C-alpha atoms as a PDB file:
ATOM      1  CA  MET A   1       9.349  40.148  28.429  1.00  0.00           C
ATOM      2  CA  LYS A   2      12.148  37.697  29.219  1.00  0.00           C
ATOM      3  CA  LYS A   3       9.944  34.824  28.036  1.00  0.00           C
ATOM      4  CA  ALA A   4       9.296  36.589  24.725  1.00  0.00           C
ATOM      5  CA  VAL A   5      13.007  37.234  24.210  1.00  0.00           C
ATOM      6  CA  LEU A   6      13.785  33.604  24.987  1.00  0.00           C
ATOM      7  CA  ILE A   7      11.226  32.371  22.439  1.00  0.00           C
ATOM      8  CA  PHE A   8      12.685  34.784  19.860  1.00  0.00           C
ATOM      9  CA  VAL A   9      16.228  33.541  20.471  1.00  0.00           C
ATOM     10  CA  ILE A  10      15.137  29.886  20.255  1.00  0.00           C
ATOM     11  CA  THR A  11      13.311  30.597  17.008  1.00  0.00           C
ATOM     12  CA  ILE A  12      16.339  32.282  15.433  1.00  0.00           C
ATOM     13  CA  PHE A  13      18.598  29.488  16.645  1.00  0.00           C
ATOM     14  CA  THR A  14      16.297  26.849  15.123  1.00  0.00           C
ATOM     15  CA  GLN A  15      16.100  28.723  11.831  1.00  0.00           C
ATOM     16  CA  ASN A  16      19.872  29.009  11.694  1.00  0.00           C
ATOM     17  CA  ILE A  17      20.234  25.265  12.235  1.00  0.00           C
ATOM     18  CA  MET A  18      17.760  24.586   9.436  1.00  0.00           C
ATOM     19  CA  ALA A  19      19.483  27.026   7.132  1.00  0.00           C
ATOM     20  CA  GLN A  20      22.859  25.445   7.800  1.00  0.00           C
ATOM     21  CA  LYS A  21      21.702  21.905   7.046  1.00  0.00           C
ATOM     22  CA  LYS A  22      23.074  20.945   3.656  1.00  0.00           C
ATOM     23  CA  ILE A  23      22.408  18.019   1.380  1.00  0.00           C
ATOM     24  CA  VAL A  24      25.581  16.086   0.581  1.00  0.00           C
ATOM     25  CA  GLN A  25      25.519  14.637  -2.936  1.00  0.00           C
ATOM     26  CA  THR A  26      28.405  12.854  -4.656  1.00  0.00           C
ATOM     27  CA  ALA A  27      26.649  11.046  -7.515  1.00  0.00           C
ATOM     28  CA  GLY A  28      27.691  13.650 -10.086  1.00  0.00           C
ATOM     29  CA  ARG A  29      31.390  13.319  -9.425  1.00  0.00           C
ATOM     30  CA  GLU A  30      31.195   9.540  -9.010  1.00  0.00           C
ATOM     31  CA  GLN A  31      29.414   8.985 -12.325  1.00  0.00           C
ATOM     32  CA  LEU A  32      30.465  11.966 -14.470  1.00  0.00           C
ATOM     33  CA  GLY A  33      33.444  13.469 -12.697  1.00  0.00           C
ATOM     34  CA  GLU A  34      35.986  12.631 -15.388  1.00  0.00           C
ATOM     35  CA  PHE A  35      33.651  12.917 -18.380  1.00  0.00           C
ATOM     36  CA  ALA A  36      31.800  16.122 -17.401  1.00  0.00           C
ATOM     37  CA  PRO A  37      33.405  17.620 -14.302  1.00  0.00           C
ATOM     38  CA  GLU A  38      31.544  20.943 -14.537  1.00  0.00           C
ATOM     39  CA  PHE A  39      28.156  19.260 -14.816  1.00  0.00           C
ATOM     40  CA  ALA A  40      29.133  17.042 -11.869  1.00  0.00           C
ATOM     41  CA  ARG A  41      30.045  20.131  -9.821  1.00  0.00           C
ATOM     42  CA  LEU A  42      26.750  21.875 -10.664  1.00  0.00           C
ATOM     43  CA  ASN A  43      24.793  18.755  -9.777  1.00  0.00           C
ATOM     44  CA  ASP A  44      26.522  18.037  -6.472  1.00  0.00           C
ATOM     45  CA  ASP A  45      27.387  21.514  -5.199  1.00  0.00           C
ATOM     46  CA  ILE A  46      24.703  23.782  -6.684  1.00  0.00           C
ATOM     47  CA  LEU A  47      21.563  21.714  -7.282  1.00  0.00           C
ATOM     48  CA  PHE A  48      21.848  19.627  -4.119  1.00  0.00           C
ATOM     49  CA  GLY A  49      24.408  21.555  -2.076  1.00  0.00           C
ATOM     50  CA  GLU A  50      22.574  24.887  -2.417  1.00  0.00           C
ATOM     51  CA  VAL A  51      19.069  24.613  -3.941  1.00  0.00           C
ATOM     52  CA  TRP A  52      17.982  21.471  -2.099  1.00  0.00           C
ATOM     53  CA  SER A  53      19.617  22.794   1.072  1.00  0.00           C
ATOM     54  CA  ARG A  54      17.446  25.926   1.248  1.00  0.00           C
ATOM     55  CA  ASN A  55      15.101  24.140   3.638  1.00  0.00           C
ATOM     56  CA  ASP A  56      14.210  27.375   5.434  1.00  0.00           C
ATOM     57  CA  LEU A  57      12.218  28.257   2.291  1.00  0.00           C
ATOM     58  CA  LEU A  58      10.828  24.855   1.317  1.00  0.00           C
ATOM     59  CA  SER A  59      11.034  21.668   3.355  1.00  0.00           C
ATOM     60  CA  LEU A  60      12.749  18.622   1.895  1.00  0.00           C
ATOM     61  CA  ARG A  61       9.320  16.979   1.756  1.00  0.00           C
ATOM     62  CA  ASP A  62       7.946  19.870  -0.328  1.00  0.00           C
ATOM     63  CA  ARG A  63      10.949  19.810  -2.658  1.00  0.00           C
ATOM     64  CA  SER A  64      10.483  16.062  -3.146  1.00  0.00           C
ATOM     65  CA  LEU A  65       6.826  16.586  -4.008  1.00  0.00           C
ATOM     66  CA  VAL A  66       7.631  19.312  -6.552  1.00  0.00           C
ATOM     67  CA  THR A  67      10.437  17.267  -8.123  1.00  0.00           C
ATOM     68  CA  ILE A  68       8.380  14.082  -8.426  1.00  0.00           C
ATOM     69  CA  THR A  69       5.442  15.814 -10.107  1.00  0.00           C
ATOM     70  CA  SER A  70       7.812  17.633 -12.476  1.00  0.00           C
ATOM     71  CA  LEU A  71       9.544  14.432 -13.549  1.00  0.00           C
ATOM     72  CA  ILE A  72       6.282  12.553 -14.032  1.00  0.00           C
ATOM     73  CA  SER A  73       4.838  15.433 -16.056  1.00  0.00           C
ATOM     74  CA  GLN A  74       7.809  15.201 -18.436  1.00  0.00           C
ATOM     75  CA  GLY A  75       7.485  11.436 -18.724  1.00  0.00           C
ATOM     76  CA  ILE A  76      10.835  10.852 -17.006  1.00  0.00           C
ATOM     77  CA  THR A  77      10.367   7.498 -15.289  1.00  0.00           C
ATOM     78  CA  ASP A  78      13.925   6.196 -15.236  1.00  0.00           C
ATOM     79  CA  ASN A  79      16.436   6.041 -12.391  1.00  0.00           C
ATOM     80  CA  SER A  80      16.028   9.784 -11.826  1.00  0.00           C
ATOM     81  CA  LEU A  81      12.432   9.335 -10.720  1.00  0.00           C
ATOM     82  CA  LEU A  82      13.326   6.216  -8.736  1.00  0.00           C
ATOM     83  CA  PHE A  83      15.997   8.183  -6.842  1.00  0.00           C
ATOM     84  CA  HIS A  84      13.575  10.999  -6.017  1.00  0.00           C
ATOM     85  CA  LEU A  85      10.848   8.571  -4.972  1.00  0.00           C
ATOM     86  CA  GLN A  86      13.305   6.995  -2.541  1.00  0.00           C
ATOM     87  CA  SER A  87      14.253  10.468  -1.319  1.00  0.00           C
ATOM     88  CA  ALA A  88      10.572  11.368  -0.927  1.00  0.00           C
ATOM     89  CA  LYS A  89      10.048   8.346   1.295  1.00  0.00           C
ATOM     90  CA  ASN A  90      13.055   9.348   3.391  1.00  0.00           C
ATOM     91  CA  ASN A  91      11.659  12.877   3.570  1.00  0.00           C
ATOM     92  CA  GLY A  92       8.396  11.717   5.109  1.00  0.00           C
ATOM     93  CA  ILE A  93       6.035  11.080   2.189  1.00  0.00           C
ATOM     94  CA  THR A  94       4.035   7.961   3.039  1.00  0.00           C
ATOM     95  CA  ARG A  95       2.699   5.249   0.732  1.00  0.00           C
ATOM     96  CA  THR A  96      -0.842   6.601   0.911  1.00  0.00           C
ATOM     97  CA  LYS A  97       0.403  10.140   0.206  1.00  0.00           C
ATOM     98  CA  ILE A  98       2.481   9.146  -2.826  1.00  0.00           C
ATOM     99  CA  ALA A  99      -0.465   7.187  -4.213  1.00  0.00           C
ATOM    100  CA  GLU A 100      -2.651  10.286  -3.946  1.00  0.00           C
ATOM    101  CA  ILE A 101       0.077  12.533  -5.387  1.00  0.00           C
ATOM    102  CA  ILE A 102       0.534  10.338  -8.467  1.00  0.00           C
ATOM    103  CA  THR A 103      -3.229   9.910  -8.891  1.00  0.00           C
ATOM    104  CA  HIS A 104      -3.716  13.680  -8.831  1.00  0.00           C
ATOM    105  CA  THR A 105      -0.807  14.211 -11.223  1.00  0.00           C
ATOM    106  CA  ALA A 106      -2.320  11.710 -13.666  1.00  0.00           C
ATOM    107  CA  PHE A 107      -5.191  14.070 -14.506  1.00  0.00           C
ATOM    108  CA  TYR A 108      -2.762  16.809 -15.549  1.00  0.00           C
ATOM    109  CA  ALA A 109       0.262  14.893 -16.833  1.00  0.00           C
ATOM    110  CA  GLY A 110      -1.363  11.853 -18.416  1.00  0.00           C
ATOM    111  CA  TRP A 111      -2.558   8.401 -17.419  1.00  0.00           C
ATOM    112  CA  PRO A 112       0.302   6.362 -18.973  1.00  0.00           C
ATOM    113  CA  LYS A 113       2.869   8.508 -17.160  1.00  0.00           C
ATOM    114  CA  ALA A 114       1.116   7.834 -13.861  1.00  0.00           C
ATOM    115  CA  TRP A 115       1.109   4.078 -14.535  1.00  0.00           C
ATOM    116  CA  ALA A 116       4.849   4.159 -15.127  1.00  0.00           C
ATOM    117  CA  ALA A 117       5.377   6.163 -11.939  1.00  0.00           C
ATOM    118  CA  PHE A 118       3.216   3.777  -9.899  1.00  0.00           C
ATOM    119  CA  ASN A 119       5.324   0.813 -11.043  1.00  0.00           C
ATOM    120  CA  LEU A 120       8.393   2.494  -9.544  1.00  0.00           C
ATOM    121  CA  ALA A 121       6.611   3.750  -6.431  1.00  0.00           C
ATOM    122  CA  LYS A 122       5.352   0.261  -5.585  1.00  0.00           C
ATOM    123  CA  SER A 123       8.918  -1.028  -5.463  1.00  0.00           C
ATOM    124  CA  VAL A 124      10.000   1.835  -3.164  1.00  0.00           C
ATOM    125  CA  TRP A 125       7.119   1.535  -0.691  1.00  0.00           C
ATOM    126  CA  GLU A 126       6.668  -2.245  -0.972  1.00  0.00           C
ATOM    127  CA  GLU A 127       7.998  -2.969   2.500  1.00  0.00           C
ATOM    128  CA  ASP A 128       5.429  -0.542   3.947  1.00  0.00           C
ATOM    129  CA  ILE A 129       2.513  -2.810   3.003  1.00  0.00           C
ATOM    130  CA  LYS A 130       4.005  -6.091   4.238  1.00  0.00           C
ATOM    131  CA  GLY A 131       5.877  -7.284   7.299  1.00  0.00           C
ATOM    132  CA  ASP A 132       5.337  -7.172  11.049  1.00  0.00           C
ATOM    133  CA  ASN A 133       5.087  -3.383  11.338  1.00  0.00           C
ATOM    134  CA  ALA A 134       2.406  -3.181   8.655  1.00  0.00           C
ATOM    135  CA  LYS A 135       0.561  -6.076  10.268  1.00  0.00           C
ATOM    136  CA  ALA A 136       0.580  -4.350  13.676  1.00  0.00           C
ATOM    137  CA  ALA A 137      -0.593  -1.063  12.147  1.00  0.00           C
ATOM    138  CA  PHE A 138      -3.433  -2.836  10.344  1.00  0.00           C
ATOM    139  CA  GLU A 139      -4.539  -4.632  13.502  1.00  0.00           C
ATOM    140  CA  ARG A 140      -4.937  -1.261  15.228  1.00  0.00           C
ATOM    141  CA  GLU A 141      -7.553  -0.342  12.603  1.00  0.00           C
ATOM    142  CA  MET A 142      -9.847  -3.189  13.676  1.00  0.00           C
ATOM    143  CA  ILE A 143     -11.902  -4.103  16.715  1.00  0.00           C
ATOM    144  CA  PHE A 144     -11.274  -7.792  15.949  1.00  0.00           C
ATOM    145  CA  PRO A 145      -7.927  -9.557  16.396  1.00  0.00           C
ATOM    146  CA  ILE A 146      -5.882 -10.761  13.429  1.00  0.00           C
ATOM    147  CA  GLY A 147      -5.351 -14.108  15.104  1.00  0.00           C
ATOM    148  CA  GLU A 148      -2.844 -16.771  14.149  1.00  0.00           C
ATOM    149  CA  PRO A 149      -1.425 -17.840  10.772  1.00  0.00           C
ATOM    150  CA  ASN A 150      -4.098 -19.751   8.877  1.00  0.00           C
ATOM    151  CA  ALA A 151      -1.919 -22.866   8.677  1.00  0.00           C
ATOM    152  CA  ALA A 152      -4.731 -25.406   8.350  1.00  0.00           C
ATOM    153  CA  TYR A 153      -5.938 -23.809   5.099  1.00  0.00           C
ATOM    154  CA  ALA A 154      -2.630 -22.407   3.823  1.00  0.00           C
ATOM    155  CA  ARG A 155      -2.597 -24.801   0.862  1.00  0.00           C
ATOM    156  CA  TYR A 156      -5.832 -23.204  -0.375  1.00  0.00           C
ATOM    157  CA  PHE A 157      -4.444 -19.649  -0.311  1.00  0.00           C
ATOM    158  CA  THR A 158      -2.023 -17.676  -2.462  1.00  0.00           C
ATOM    159  CA  GLY A 159      -0.062 -15.593   0.057  1.00  0.00           C
ATOM    160  CA  ASN A 160      -0.333 -15.388   3.840  1.00  0.00           C
ATOM    161  CA  SER A 161      -3.591 -15.237   5.758  1.00  0.00           C
ATOM    162  CA  TYR A 162      -4.577 -15.202   9.441  1.00  0.00           C
ATOM    163  CA  LEU A 163      -7.593 -16.581  11.287  1.00  0.00           C
ATOM    164  CA  ALA A 164      -9.243 -15.485  14.519  1.00  0.00           C
ATOM    165  CA  ARG A 165     -12.273 -17.542  15.558  1.00  0.00           C
ATOM    166  CA  ILE A 166     -14.800 -15.097  17.048  1.00  0.00           C
ATOM    167  CA  SER A 167     -17.722 -17.408  17.814  1.00  0.00           C
ATOM    168  CA  GLY A 168     -18.294 -21.138  17.643  1.00  0.00           C
ATOM    169  CA  THR A 169     -21.971 -21.236  18.706  1.00  0.00           C
ATOM    170  CA  GLN A 170     -25.293 -20.251  17.091  1.00  0.00           C
ATOM    171  CA  ILE A 171     -23.834 -18.832  13.857  1.00  0.00           C
ATOM    172  CA  PRO A 172     -20.090 -19.601  13.859  1.00  0.00           C
ATOM    173  CA  PHE A 173     -17.897 -16.890  12.373  1.00  0.00           C
ATOM    174  CA  ALA A 174     -14.267 -15.845  12.220  1.00  0.00           C
ATOM    175  CA  ASN A 175     -12.196 -12.830  11.301  1.00  0.00           C
ATOM    176  CA  VAL A 176      -9.992 -13.677   8.303  1.00  0.00           C
ATOM    177  CA  THR A 177      -7.099 -11.331   7.513  1.00  0.00           C
ATOM    178  CA  PHE A 178      -5.189 -11.293   4.223  1.00  0.00           C
ATOM    179  CA  GLU A 179      -1.794  -9.751   3.538  1.00  0.00           C
ATOM    180  CA  PRO A 180      -1.627  -7.533   0.429  1.00  0.00           C
ATOM    181  CA  GLY A 181      -2.055  -9.727  -2.646  1.00  0.00           C
ATOM    182  CA  CYS A 182      -3.269 -12.734  -0.646  1.00  0.00           C
ATOM    183  CA  ARG A 183      -6.424 -14.504  -1.852  1.00  0.00           C
ATOM    184  CA  ASN A 184      -7.985 -17.914  -1.508  1.00  0.00           C
ATOM    185  CA  HIS A 185      -8.540 -20.383  -4.338  1.00  0.00           C
ATOM    186  CA  TRP A 186     -11.776 -20.831  -6.194  1.00  0.00           C
ATOM    187  CA  HIS A 187     -14.115 -22.871  -3.989  1.00  0.00           C
ATOM    188  CA  ILE A 188     -17.723 -23.929  -3.514  1.00  0.00           C
ATOM    189  CA  HIS A 189     -19.748 -24.280  -0.305  1.00  0.00           C
ATOM    190  CA  HIS A 190     -21.972 -27.311  -0.716  1.00  0.00           C
ATOM    191  CA  ALA A 191     -25.115 -28.169   1.255  1.00  0.00           C
ATOM    192  CA  ASP A 192     -28.169 -30.354   0.721  1.00  0.00           C
ATOM    193  CA  ASN A 193     -30.251 -27.566   2.220  1.00  0.00           C
ATOM    194  CA  GLY A 194     -29.312 -24.036   3.375  1.00  0.00           C
ATOM    195  CA  GLY A 195     -25.616 -23.498   3.852  1.00  0.00           C
ATOM    196  CA  GLY A 196     -23.431 -20.972   2.074  1.00  0.00           C
ATOM    197  CA  GLN A 197     -21.476 -18.098   3.572  1.00  0.00           C
ATOM    198  CA  MET A 198     -21.750 -14.395   4.374  1.00  0.00           C
ATOM    199  CA  LEU A 199     -18.791 -11.993   4.349  1.00  0.00           C
ATOM    200  CA  VAL A 200     -18.678  -8.592   6.054  1.00  0.00           C
ATOM    201  CA  GLY A 201     -15.772  -6.267   5.283  1.00  0.00           C
ATOM    202  CA  VAL A 202     -13.935  -5.158   8.435  1.00  0.00           C
ATOM    203  CA  ALA A 203     -10.860  -3.212   7.325  1.00  0.00           C
ATOM    204  CA  GLY A 204      -8.720  -2.543   4.273  1.00  0.00           C
ATOM    205  CA  LYS A 205      -9.698  -3.287   0.683  1.00  0.00           C
ATOM    206  CA  GLY A 206     -10.457  -6.626  -0.929  1.00  0.00           C
ATOM    207  CA  TRP A 207     -12.193  -8.447  -3.770  1.00  0.00           C
ATOM    208  CA  TYR A 208     -14.959 -10.995  -4.176  1.00  0.00           C
ATOM    209  CA  GLN A 209     -15.756 -12.740  -7.435  1.00  0.00           C
ATOM    210  CA  GLU A 210     -18.233 -15.374  -8.587  1.00  0.00           C
ATOM    211  CA  GLU A 211     -17.468 -17.477 -11.625  1.00  0.00           C
ATOM    212  CA  GLY A 212     -18.676 -15.772 -14.796  1.00  0.00           C
ATOM    213  CA  LYS A 213     -19.160 -12.386 -13.103  1.00  0.00           C
ATOM    214  CA  GLU A 214     -17.080  -9.233 -12.590  1.00  0.00           C
ATOM    215  CA  ALA A 215     -15.098  -8.950  -9.356  1.00  0.00           C
ATOM    216  CA  VAL A 216     -16.721  -6.848  -6.627  1.00  0.00           C
ATOM    217  CA  LYS A 217     -14.716  -4.598  -4.310  1.00  0.00           C
ATOM    218  CA  ILE A 218     -15.119  -5.224  -0.569  1.00  0.00           C
ATOM    219  CA  LEU A 219     -14.626  -2.288   1.799  1.00  0.00           C
ATOM    220  CA  PRO A 220     -15.394  -1.942   5.530  1.00  0.00           C
ATOM    221  CA  GLY A 221     -19.128  -2.508   5.922  1.00  0.00           C
ATOM    222  CA  THR A 222     -19.618  -4.293   2.580  1.00  0.00           C
ATOM    223  CA  VAL A 223     -21.831  -7.374   2.944  1.00  0.00           C
ATOM    224  CA  ILE A 224     -21.472 -10.309   0.531  1.00  0.00           C
ATOM    225  CA  HIS A 225     -24.039 -13.127   0.466  1.00  0.00           C
ATOM    226  CA  ILE A 226     -22.750 -16.396  -1.037  1.00  0.00           C
ATOM    227  CA  PRO A 227     -25.365 -19.095  -1.700  1.00  0.00           C
ATOM    228  CA  SER A 228     -24.350 -22.729  -1.550  1.00  0.00           C
ATOM    229  CA  GLY A 229     -23.263 -24.194  -4.865  1.00  0.00           C
ATOM    230  CA  VAL A 230     -21.692 -20.967  -6.168  1.00  0.00           C
ATOM    231  CA  LYS A 231     -18.037 -21.093  -7.298  1.00  0.00           C
ATOM    232  CA  HIS A 232     -16.169 -18.028  -5.994  1.00  0.00           C
ATOM    233  CA  TRP A 233     -13.003 -16.608  -4.421  1.00  0.00           C
ATOM    234  CA  HIS A 234     -12.162 -13.648  -2.180  1.00  0.00           C
ATOM    235  CA  GLY A 235      -9.081 -11.915  -0.825  1.00  0.00           C
ATOM    236  CA  ALA A 236      -7.065  -8.726  -0.481  1.00  0.00           C
ATOM    237  CA  ALA A 237      -6.306  -6.108  -3.091  1.00  0.00           C
ATOM    238  CA  ALA A 238      -2.711  -6.148  -4.298  1.00  0.00           C
ATOM    239  CA  ASP A 239      -1.820  -2.964  -2.414  1.00  0.00           C
ATOM    240  CA  SER A 240      -3.814  -3.325   0.800  1.00  0.00           C
ATOM    241  CA  TRP A 241      -4.213  -5.472   3.860  1.00  0.00           C
ATOM    242  CA  PHE A 242      -7.756  -6.761   4.130  1.00  0.00           C
ATOM    243  CA  ALA A 243      -9.976  -8.409   6.728  1.00  0.00           C
ATOM    244  CA  HIS A 244     -13.513  -9.726   6.629  1.00  0.00           C
ATOM    245  CA  LEU A 245     -15.799 -11.626   8.946  1.00  0.00           C
ATOM    246  CA  ALA A 246     -16.774 -14.999   7.495  1.00  0.00           C
ATOM    247  CA  PHE A 247     -20.137 -16.351   8.724  1.00  0.00           C
ATOM    248  CA  GLU A 248     -20.882 -20.039   8.204  1.00  0.00           C
ATOM    249  CA  ILE A 249     -24.575 -20.304   7.313  1.00  0.00           C
ATOM    250  CA  PRO A 250     -26.149 -23.414   8.883  1.00  0.00           C
ATOM    251  CA  GLY A 251     -27.281 -26.161   6.520  1.00  0.00           C
ATOM    252  CA  GLU A 252     -27.585 -29.883   6.014  1.00  0.00           C
ATOM    253  CA  ASN A 253     -24.503 -31.920   5.051  1.00  0.00           C
ATOM    254  CA  THR A 254     -22.344 -28.820   4.525  1.00  0.00           C
ATOM    255  CA  SER A 255     -18.854 -29.056   3.023  1.00  0.00           C
ATOM    256  CA  THR A 256     -16.365 -26.931   1.120  1.00  0.00           C
ATOM    257  CA  GLU A 257     -14.836 -28.006  -2.179  1.00  0.00           C
ATOM    258  CA  TRP A 258     -11.505 -26.307  -2.854  1.00  0.00           C
ATOM    259  CA  LEU A 259     -10.554 -25.828  -6.500  1.00  0.00           C
ATOM    260  CA  GLU A 260      -7.812 -24.154  -8.580  1.00  0.00           C
ATOM    261  CA  PRO A 261      -6.098 -20.832  -7.713  1.00  0.00           C
ATOM    262  CA  ILE A 262      -7.302 -17.719  -9.488  1.00  0.00           C
ATOM    263  CA  ASP A 263      -5.190 -16.991 -12.552  1.00  0.00           C
ATOM    264  CA  SER A 264      -2.416 -14.526 -11.618  1.00  0.00           C
ATOM    265  CA  ASN A 265      -2.954 -12.423 -14.746  1.00  0.00           C
ATOM    266  CA  GLU A 266      -6.660 -12.121 -13.990  1.00  0.00           C
ATOM    267  CA  TYR A 267      -5.931 -11.091 -10.426  1.00  0.00           C
ATOM    268  CA  ASP A 268      -3.279  -8.566 -11.482  1.00  0.00           C
ATOM    269  CA  SER A 269      -5.770  -6.960 -13.879  1.00  0.00           C
ATOM    270  CA  LEU A 270      -8.091  -5.966 -11.016  1.00  0.00           C
ATOM    271  CA  ARG A 271      -7.915  -2.254 -10.264  1.00  0.00           C
END
């Protein structure tokens, strides 16, 4: 009985704390205080001070989700949406969640509105797909190490890549990791006989393209066979870390010819 009473008291105490938590907003008075003081008061004290503060009814995360979808549905993709996207991130909505939210909203609100929203969302969550924390999180997804910065071949890459040599005997292969947006230049594996390369997707999302053909998406488990003499490039998607195993196929007089970078506009058009 005492235990039940204690749980009840703790529950009420927690609810009271949640109910008392208020959102402090001053933007209305700072931007419109002299021009429209009543609107500023309603914005700061009522909308945020009361409605947004009723977190015993809806969490701040839920209110962010509702607000974002409402703004996108109306085609409002100005600073108002940017503010609420930033708030959503602070309220616990992750990059993967916001991508799914906007994708779902697109089917009901319209594709162009979703595109506009994505352009803002990318700027808000950009730091979540790059940097040391994102690198460490990505490495935990794999059974292979990321390795060291790919300094020896850096001049043949757009963006940062990492190399971990897995085996140097029989069929040599390495794990190559690309930061979001990183890709290598067009290149050709030459050989008088045999040669070429095989890629196996390990983690994340990437692209492979042969000259004159459409780009192919690489996901974990995707196998790409590259004959010698074929001009191609491969790398990460713009919004994802990516890693693949690169197998060097034995051959006679093998070499790699590095060529020009992929055109940025062509790369940016990949979806």
